[in-house]
Amino acid sequence: MKQKSPGRKSNLYIRFSSVAIQMAAVISVFTWLGVYLDDYFRSETPWLTIVLSLFGVIGSLALVIREVLKLDQNDDSKNH
C-alpha cells in the first residue's frame, strides 16, 4: 500500500482553504451586487438580492464540485 507524504496532505489543506475563500468571495460579490441593484431600482422586495445570492451559492458549489472531481481524477491517474 502506498503511503501519502505529509507535504501532499498540507497541499490539500491549502487547496481547499483557497476554495473556501473563493466561495465566500463569489457569494459576497453576487449578494452585494443584488443589494446594489435592488437599491438602484428601488424595488420594495429584494428579489435581485435573493436571485443573485442564490446564483452565487450555486456557482460556488459548482466550483467546489469541479475542484473535487479534478482532485479525484488526479488521484486515479497516479494510482494506475
PDB file of N, CA and C in Angstrom:
ATOM      1  N   MET A   1       0.839  -1.169   0.000  1.00  0.00           N
ATOM      2  CA  MET A   1       0.000   0.000   0.000  1.00  0.00           C
ATOM      3  C   MET A   1       0.891   1.241   0.000  1.00  0.00           C
ATOM      4  N   LYS A   2       0.479   2.235  -0.740  1.00  0.00           N
ATOM      5  CA  LYS A   2       1.281   3.435  -0.909  1.00  0.00           C
ATOM      6  C   LYS A   2       0.990   4.436   0.205  1.00  0.00           C
ATOM      7  N   GLN A   3       2.047   4.962   0.833  1.00  0.00           N
ATOM      8  CA  GLN A   3       1.909   5.954   1.890  1.00  0.00           C
ATOM      9  C   GLN A   3       1.827   7.346   1.257  1.00  0.00           C
ATOM     10  N   LYS A   4       0.939   8.183   1.794  1.00  0.00           N
ATOM     11  CA  LYS A   4       0.860   9.561   1.327  1.00  0.00           C
ATOM     12  C   LYS A   4       1.856  10.398   2.095  1.00  0.00           C
ATOM     13  N   SER A   5       2.512  11.276   1.394  1.00  0.00           N
ATOM     14  CA  SER A   5       3.513  12.122   2.041  1.00  0.00           C
ATOM     15  C   SER A   5       2.823  13.248   2.811  1.00  0.00           C
ATOM     16  N   PRO A   6       3.434  13.733   3.897  1.00  0.00           N
ATOM     17  CA  PRO A   6       2.833  14.815   4.664  1.00  0.00           C
ATOM     18  C   PRO A   6       2.714  16.108   3.858  1.00  0.00           C
ATOM     19  N   GLY A   7       3.591  16.312   2.907  1.00  0.00           N
ATOM     20  CA  GLY A   7       3.518  17.507   2.071  1.00  0.00           C
ATOM     21  C   GLY A   7       2.279  17.527   1.212  1.00  0.00           C
ATOM     22  N   ARG A   8       1.872  16.364   0.745  1.00  0.00           N
ATOM     23  CA  ARG A   8       0.663  16.268  -0.074  1.00  0.00           C
ATOM     24  C   ARG A   8      -0.573  16.604   0.742  1.00  0.00           C
ATOM     25  N   LYS A   9      -0.593  16.183   2.003  1.00  0.00           N
ATOM     26  CA  LYS A   9      -1.745  16.454   2.851  1.00  0.00           C
ATOM     27  C   LYS A   9      -1.881  17.950   3.125  1.00  0.00           C
ATOM     28  N   SER A  10      -0.781  18.601   3.409  1.00  0.00           N
ATOM     29  CA  SER A  10      -0.841  20.041   3.651  1.00  0.00           C
ATOM     30  C   SER A  10      -1.192  20.792   2.368  1.00  0.00           C
ATOM     31  N   ASN A  11      -0.769  20.264   1.227  1.00  0.00           N
ATOM     32  CA  ASN A  11      -1.125  20.858  -0.052  1.00  0.00           C
ATOM     33  C   ASN A  11      -2.640  20.811  -0.257  1.00  0.00           C
ATOM     34  N   LEU A  12      -3.278  19.719   0.145  1.00  0.00           N
ATOM     35  CA  LEU A  12      -4.737  19.607   0.035  1.00  0.00           C
ATOM     36  C   LEU A  12      -5.431  20.622   0.936  1.00  0.00           C
ATOM     37  N   TYR A  13      -4.898  20.812   2.146  1.00  0.00           N
ATOM     38  CA  TYR A  13      -5.486  21.805   3.046  1.00  0.00           C
ATOM     39  C   TYR A  13      -5.412  23.200   2.437  1.00  0.00           C
ATOM     40  N   ILE A  14      -4.293  23.526   1.866  1.00  0.00           N
ATOM     41  CA  ILE A  14      -4.134  24.839   1.235  1.00  0.00           C
ATOM     42  C   ILE A  14      -5.074  24.965   0.042  1.00  0.00           C
ATOM     43  N   ARG A  15      -5.163  23.917  -0.737  1.00  0.00           N
ATOM     44  CA  ARG A  15      -6.012  23.941  -1.931  1.00  0.00           C
ATOM     45  C   ARG A  15      -7.474  24.157  -1.575  1.00  0.00           C
ATOM     46  N   PHE A  16      -7.969  23.426  -0.572  1.00  0.00           N
ATOM     47  CA  PHE A  16      -9.374  23.558  -0.213  1.00  0.00           C
ATOM     48  C   PHE A  16      -9.634  24.782   0.654  1.00  0.00           C
ATOM     49  N   SER A  17      -8.636  25.303   1.316  1.00  0.00           N
ATOM     50  CA  SER A  17      -8.796  26.576   2.010  1.00  0.00           C
ATOM     51  C   SER A  17      -8.987  27.695   0.992  1.00  0.00           C
ATOM     52  N   SER A  18      -8.238  27.635  -0.086  1.00  0.00           N
ATOM     53  CA  SER A  18      -8.411  28.650  -1.119  1.00  0.00           C
ATOM     54  C   SER A  18      -9.763  28.521  -1.800  1.00  0.00           C
ATOM     55  N   VAL A  19     -10.273  27.300  -1.924  1.00  0.00           N
ATOM     56  CA  VAL A  19     -11.601  27.112  -2.498  1.00  0.00           C
ATOM     57  C   VAL A  19     -12.654  27.734  -1.583  1.00  0.00           C
ATOM     58  N   ALA A  20     -12.487  27.586  -0.271  1.00  0.00           N
ATOM     59  CA  ALA A  20     -13.434  28.184   0.680  1.00  0.00           C
ATOM     60  C   ALA A  20     -13.407  29.708   0.595  1.00  0.00           C
ATOM     61  N   ILE A  21     -12.221  30.269   0.445  1.00  0.00           N
ATOM     62  CA  ILE A  21     -12.109  31.724   0.311  1.00  0.00           C
ATOM     63  C   ILE A  21     -12.761  32.187  -0.988  1.00  0.00           C
ATOM     64  N   GLN A  22     -12.575  31.422  -2.067  1.00  0.00           N
ATOM     65  CA  GLN A  22     -13.216  31.759  -3.336  1.00  0.00           C
ATOM     66  C   GLN A  22     -14.731  31.676  -3.223  1.00  0.00           C
ATOM     67  N   MET A  23     -15.225  30.656  -2.514  1.00  0.00           N
ATOM     68  CA  MET A  23     -16.673  30.530  -2.313  1.00  0.00           C
ATOM     69  C   MET A  23     -17.221  31.763  -1.602  1.00  0.00           C
ATOM     70  N   ALA A  24     -16.564  32.166  -0.529  1.00  0.00           N
ATOM     71  CA  ALA A  24     -17.019  33.326   0.227  1.00  0.00           C
ATOM     72  C   ALA A  24     -16.984  34.589  -0.633  1.00  0.00           C
ATOM     73  N   ALA A  25     -15.949  34.716  -1.434  1.00  0.00           N
ATOM     74  CA  ALA A  25     -15.830  35.900  -2.291  1.00  0.00           C
ATOM     75  C   ALA A  25     -16.923  35.931  -3.355  1.00  0.00           C
ATOM     76  N   VAL A  26     -17.182  34.798  -3.989  1.00  0.00           N
ATOM     77  CA  VAL A  26     -18.208  34.746  -5.041  1.00  0.00           C
ATOM     78  C   VAL A  26     -19.586  35.055  -4.460  1.00  0.00           C
ATOM     79  N   ILE A  27     -19.910  34.434  -3.336  1.00  0.00           N
ATOM     80  CA  ILE A  27     -21.215  34.669  -2.726  1.00  0.00           C
ATOM     81  C   ILE A  27     -21.339  36.122  -2.272  1.00  0.00           C
ATOM     82  N   SER A  28     -20.286  36.670  -1.701  1.00  0.00           N
ATOM     83  CA  SER A  28     -20.315  38.062  -1.240  1.00  0.00           C
ATOM     84  C   SER A  28     -20.498  39.038  -2.392  1.00  0.00           C
ATOM     85  N   VAL A  29     -19.782  38.823  -3.475  1.00  0.00           N
ATOM     86  CA  VAL A  29     -19.879  39.736  -4.626  1.00  0.00           C
ATOM     87  C   VAL A  29     -21.277  39.696  -5.233  1.00  0.00           C
ATOM     88  N   PHE A  30     -21.831  38.516  -5.421  1.00  0.00           N
ATOM     89  CA  PHE A  30     -23.161  38.420  -6.006  1.00  0.00           C
ATOM     90  C   PHE A  30     -24.232  38.985  -5.072  1.00  0.00           C
ATOM     91  N   THR A  31     -24.083  38.769  -3.774  1.00  0.00           N
ATOM     92  CA  THR A  31     -25.045  39.336  -2.827  1.00  0.00           C
ATOM     93  C   THR A  31     -24.948  40.854  -2.806  1.00  0.00           C
ATOM     94  N   TRP A  32     -23.727  41.375  -2.791  1.00  0.00           N
ATOM     95  CA  TRP A  32     -23.545  42.828  -2.835  1.00  0.00           C
ATOM     96  C   TRP A  32     -24.153  43.413  -4.108  1.00  0.00           C
ATOM     97  N   LEU A  33     -23.931  42.741  -5.228  1.00  0.00           N
ATOM     98  CA  LEU A  33     -24.488  43.219  -6.497  1.00  0.00           C
ATOM     99  C   LEU A  33     -26.019  43.235  -6.445  1.00  0.00           C
ATOM    100  N   GLY A  34     -26.606  42.198  -5.841  1.00  0.00           N
ATOM    101  CA  GLY A  34     -28.062  42.161  -5.707  1.00  0.00           C
ATOM    102  C   GLY A  34     -28.584  43.283  -4.835  1.00  0.00           C
ATOM    103  N   VAL A  35     -27.909  43.557  -3.729  1.00  0.00           N
ATOM    104  CA  VAL A  35     -28.321  44.655  -2.847  1.00  0.00           C
ATOM    105  C   VAL A  35     -28.193  45.985  -3.584  1.00  0.00           C
ATOM    106  N   TYR A  36     -27.100  46.151  -4.301  1.00  0.00           N
ATOM    107  CA  TYR A  36     -26.887  47.385  -5.054  1.00  0.00           C
ATOM    108  C   TYR A  36     -27.975  47.579  -6.119  1.00  0.00           C
ATOM    109  N   LEU A  37     -28.277  46.522  -6.860  1.00  0.00           N
ATOM    110  CA  LEU A  37     -29.289  46.648  -7.907  1.00  0.00           C
ATOM    111  C   LEU A  37     -30.688  46.860  -7.335  1.00  0.00           C
ATOM    112  N   ASP A  38     -30.996  46.215  -6.211  1.00  0.00           N
ATOM    113  CA  ASP A  38     -32.290  46.461  -5.572  1.00  0.00           C
ATOM    114  C   ASP A  38     -32.395  47.908  -5.110  1.00  0.00           C
ATOM    115  N   ASP A  39     -31.316  48.448  -4.600  1.00  0.00           N
ATOM    116  CA  ASP A  39     -31.306  49.845  -4.177  1.00  0.00           C
ATOM    117  C   ASP A  39     -31.391  50.774  -5.385  1.00  0.00           C
ATOM    118  N   TYR A  40     -30.686  50.436  -6.450  1.00  0.00           N
ATOM    119  CA  TYR A  40     -30.679  51.261  -7.658  1.00  0.00           C
ATOM    120  C   TYR A  40     -32.074  51.327  -8.290  1.00  0.00           C
ATOM    121  N   PHE A  41     -32.740  50.171  -8.380  1.00  0.00           N
ATOM    122  CA  PHE A  41     -34.075  50.133  -8.972  1.00  0.00           C
ATOM    123  C   PHE A  41     -35.181  50.408  -7.965  1.00  0.00           C
ATOM    124  N   ARG A  42     -34.813  50.629  -6.716  1.00  0.00           N
ATOM    125  CA  ARG A  42     -35.737  50.954  -5.631  1.00  0.00           C
ATOM    126  C   ARG A  42     -36.884  49.955  -5.530  1.00  0.00           C
ATOM    127  N   SER A  43     -36.529  48.689  -5.610  1.00  0.00           N
ATOM    128  CA  SER A  43     -37.550  47.649  -5.507  1.00  0.00           C
ATOM    129  C   SER A  43     -37.958  47.461  -4.043  1.00  0.00           C
ATOM    130  N   GLU A  44     -39.252  47.172  -3.854  1.00  0.00           N
ATOM    131  CA  GLU A  44     -39.757  47.015  -2.491  1.00  0.00           C
ATOM    132  C   GLU A  44     -39.397  45.657  -1.897  1.00  0.00           C
ATOM    133  N   THR A  45     -39.306  44.653  -2.744  1.00  0.00           N
ATOM    134  CA  THR A  45     -38.880  43.331  -2.277  1.00  0.00           C
ATOM    135  C   THR A  45     -37.506  43.041  -2.863  1.00  0.00           C
ATOM    136  N   PRO A  46     -36.637  42.441  -2.099  1.00  0.00           N
ATOM    137  CA  PRO A  46     -35.246  42.247  -2.558  1.00  0.00           C
ATOM    138  C   PRO A  46     -35.077  41.038  -3.483  1.00  0.00           C
ATOM    139  N   TRP A  47     -35.814  41.004  -4.571  1.00  0.00           N
ATOM    140  CA  TRP A  47     -35.750  39.855  -5.471  1.00  0.00           C
ATOM    141  C   TRP A  47     -34.379  39.701  -6.117  1.00  0.00           C
ATOM    142  N   LEU A  48     -33.793  40.784  -6.513  1.00  0.00           N
ATOM    143  CA  LEU A  48     -32.480  40.682  -7.152  1.00  0.00           C
ATOM    144  C   LEU A  48     -31.421  40.197  -6.167  1.00  0.00           C
ATOM    145  N   THR A  49     -31.524  40.609  -4.924  1.00  0.00           N
ATOM    146  CA  THR A  49     -30.587  40.130  -3.905  1.00  0.00           C
ATOM    147  C   THR A  49     -30.744  38.634  -3.708  1.00  0.00           C
ATOM    148  N   ILE A  50     -31.980  38.186  -3.617  1.00  0.00           N
ATOM    149  CA  ILE A  50     -32.244  36.754  -3.424  1.00  0.00           C
ATOM    150  C   ILE A  50     -31.743  35.941  -4.609  1.00  0.00           C
ATOM    151  N   VAL A  51     -32.097  36.370  -5.804  1.00  0.00           N
ATOM    152  CA  VAL A  51     -31.727  35.621  -7.001  1.00  0.00           C
ATOM    153  C   VAL A  51     -30.212  35.607  -7.201  1.00  0.00           C
ATOM    154  N   LEU A  52     -29.574  36.747  -7.062  1.00  0.00           N
ATOM    155  CA  LEU A  52     -28.131  36.806  -7.289  1.00  0.00           C
ATOM    156  C   LEU A  52     -27.344  36.096  -6.191  1.00  0.00           C
ATOM    157  N   SER A  53     -27.823  36.140  -4.951  1.00  0.00           N
ATOM    158  CA  SER A  53     -27.109  35.404  -3.911  1.00  0.00           C
ATOM    159  C   SER A  53     -27.260  33.899  -4.113  1.00  0.00           C
ATOM    160  N   LEU A  54     -28.430  33.442  -4.540  1.00  0.00           N
ATOM    161  CA  LEU A  54     -28.587  32.021  -4.868  1.00  0.00           C
ATOM    162  C   LEU A  54     -27.726  31.632  -6.056  1.00  0.00           C
ATOM    163  N   PHE A  55     -27.632  32.505  -7.032  1.00  0.00           N
ATOM    164  CA  PHE A  55     -26.756  32.255  -8.173  1.00  0.00           C
ATOM    165  C   PHE A  55     -25.298  32.144  -7.724  1.00  0.00           C
ATOM    166  N   GLY A  56     -24.906  32.979  -6.775  1.00  0.00           N
ATOM    167  CA  GLY A  56     -23.555  32.904  -6.232  1.00  0.00           C
ATOM    168  C   GLY A  56     -23.301  31.606  -5.482  1.00  0.00           C
ATOM    169  N   VAL A  57     -24.297  31.148  -4.719  1.00  0.00           N
ATOM    170  CA  VAL A  57     -24.156  29.888  -3.987  1.00  0.00           C
ATOM    171  C   VAL A  57     -24.030  28.722  -4.957  1.00  0.00           C
ATOM    172  N   ILE A  58     -24.888  28.695  -5.969  1.00  0.00           N
ATOM    173  CA  ILE A  58     -24.851  27.609  -6.955  1.00  0.00           C
ATOM    174  C   ILE A  58     -23.526  27.641  -7.724  1.00  0.00           C
ATOM    175  N   GLY A  59     -23.090  28.823  -8.097  1.00  0.00           N
ATOM    176  CA  GLY A  59     -21.810  28.938  -8.802  1.00  0.00           C
ATOM    177  C   GLY A  59     -20.633  28.502  -7.952  1.00  0.00           C
ATOM    178  N   SER A  60     -20.650  28.847  -6.679  1.00  0.00           N
ATOM    179  CA  SER A  60     -19.539  28.447  -5.812  1.00  0.00           C
ATOM    180  C   SER A  60     -19.567  26.949  -5.536  1.00  0.00           C
ATOM    181  N   LEU A  61     -20.751  26.355  -5.444  1.00  0.00           N
ATOM    182  CA  LEU A  61     -20.832  24.903  -5.290  1.00  0.00           C
ATOM    183  C   LEU A  61     -20.320  24.191  -6.540  1.00  0.00           C
ATOM    184  N   ALA A  62     -20.604  24.748  -7.698  1.00  0.00           N
ATOM    185  CA  ALA A  62     -20.070  24.176  -8.937  1.00  0.00           C
ATOM    186  C   ALA A  62     -18.546  24.256  -8.935  1.00  0.00           C
ATOM    187  N   LEU A  63     -18.003  25.333  -8.394  1.00  0.00           N
ATOM    188  CA  LEU A  63     -16.549  25.477  -8.268  1.00  0.00           C
ATOM    189  C   LEU A  63     -15.969  24.376  -7.375  1.00  0.00           C
ATOM    190  N   VAL A  64     -16.625  24.103  -6.253  1.00  0.00           N
ATOM    191  CA  VAL A  64     -16.154  23.064  -5.330  1.00  0.00           C
ATOM    192  C   VAL A  64     -16.242  21.690  -5.979  1.00  0.00           C
ATOM    193  N   ILE A  65     -17.348  21.409  -6.636  1.00  0.00           N
ATOM    194  CA  ILE A  65     -17.524  20.106  -7.289  1.00  0.00           C
ATOM    195  C   ILE A  65     -16.467  19.903  -8.357  1.00  0.00           C
ATOM    196  N   ARG A  66     -16.200  20.934  -9.133  1.00  0.00           N
ATOM    197  CA  ARG A  66     -15.183  20.832 -10.177  1.00  0.00           C
ATOM    198  C   ARG A  66     -13.803  20.567  -9.579  1.00  0.00           C
ATOM    199  N   GLU A  67     -13.505  21.219  -8.466  1.00  0.00           N
ATOM    200  CA  GLU A  67     -12.208  21.036  -7.808  1.00  0.00           C
ATOM    201  C   GLU A  67     -12.075  19.622  -7.240  1.00  0.00           C
ATOM    202  N   VAL A  68     -13.138  19.099  -6.644  1.00  0.00           N
ATOM    203  CA  VAL A  68     -13.104  17.742  -6.094  1.00  0.00           C
ATOM    204  C   VAL A  68     -12.966  16.710  -7.207  1.00  0.00           C
ATOM    205  N   LEU A  69     -13.675  16.907  -8.308  1.00  0.00           N
ATOM    206  CA  LEU A  69     -13.550  15.978  -9.436  1.00  0.00           C
ATOM    207  C   LEU A  69     -12.152  16.009 -10.029  1.00  0.00           C
ATOM    208  N   LYS A  70     -11.554  17.199 -10.088  1.00  0.00           N
ATOM    209  CA  LYS A  70     -10.195  17.315 -10.597  1.00  0.00           C
ATOM    210  C   LYS A  70      -9.218  16.581  -9.668  1.00  0.00           C
ATOM    211  N   LEU A  71      -9.417  16.709  -8.369  1.00  0.00           N
ATOM    212  CA  LEU A  71      -8.573  16.031  -7.393  1.00  0.00           C
ATOM    213  C   LEU A  71      -8.733  14.517  -7.513  1.00  0.00           C
ATOM    214  N   ASP A  72      -9.960  14.052  -7.662  1.00  0.00           N
ATOM    215  CA  ASP A  72     -10.221  12.621  -7.808  1.00  0.00           C
ATOM    216  C   ASP A  72      -9.602  12.086  -9.095  1.00  0.00           C
ATOM    217  N   GLN A  73      -9.676  12.862 -10.148  1.00  0.00           N
ATOM    218  CA  GLN A  73      -9.102  12.457 -11.430  1.00  0.00           C
ATOM    219  C   GLN A  73      -7.579  12.352 -11.316  1.00  0.00           C
ATOM    220  N   ASN A  74      -6.959  13.292 -10.581  1.00  0.00           N
ATOM    221  CA  ASN A  74      -5.506  13.242 -10.397  1.00  0.00           C
ATOM    222  C   ASN A  74      -5.117  12.027  -9.566  1.00  0.00           C
ATOM    223  N   ASP A  75      -5.892  11.680  -8.549  1.00  0.00           N
ATOM    224  CA  ASP A  75      -5.595  10.510  -7.726  1.00  0.00           C
ATOM    225  C   ASP A  75      -5.715   9.220  -8.526  1.00  0.00           C
ATOM    226  N   ASP A  76      -6.745   9.141  -9.373  1.00  0.00           N
ATOM    227  CA  ASP A  76      -6.924   7.934 -10.196  1.00  0.00           C
ATOM    228  C   ASP A  76      -5.776   7.756 -11.173  1.00  0.00           C
ATOM    229  N   SER A  77      -5.273   8.842 -11.754  1.00  0.00           N
ATOM    230  CA  SER A  77      -4.198   8.729 -12.728  1.00  0.00           C
ATOM    231  C   SER A  77      -2.879   8.336 -12.036  1.00  0.00           C
ATOM    232  N   LYS A  78      -2.692   8.739 -10.785  1.00  0.00           N
ATOM    233  CA  LYS A  78      -1.459   8.387 -10.067  1.00  0.00           C
ATOM    234  C   LYS A  78      -1.484   6.953  -9.561  1.00  0.00           C
ATOM    235  N   ASN A  79      -2.679   6.399  -9.305  1.00  0.00           N
ATOM    236  CA  ASN A  79      -2.782   5.039  -8.797  1.00  0.00           C
ATOM    237  C   ASN A  79      -2.600   3.985  -9.892  1.00  0.00           C
ATOM    238  N   HIS A  80      -2.731   4.375 -11.125  1.00  0.00           N
ATOM    239  CA  HIS A  80      -2.618   3.380 -12.215  1.00  0.00           C
ATOM    240  C   HIS A  80      -1.284   3.419 -12.861  1.00  0.00           C
TER     241      HIS A  80
END
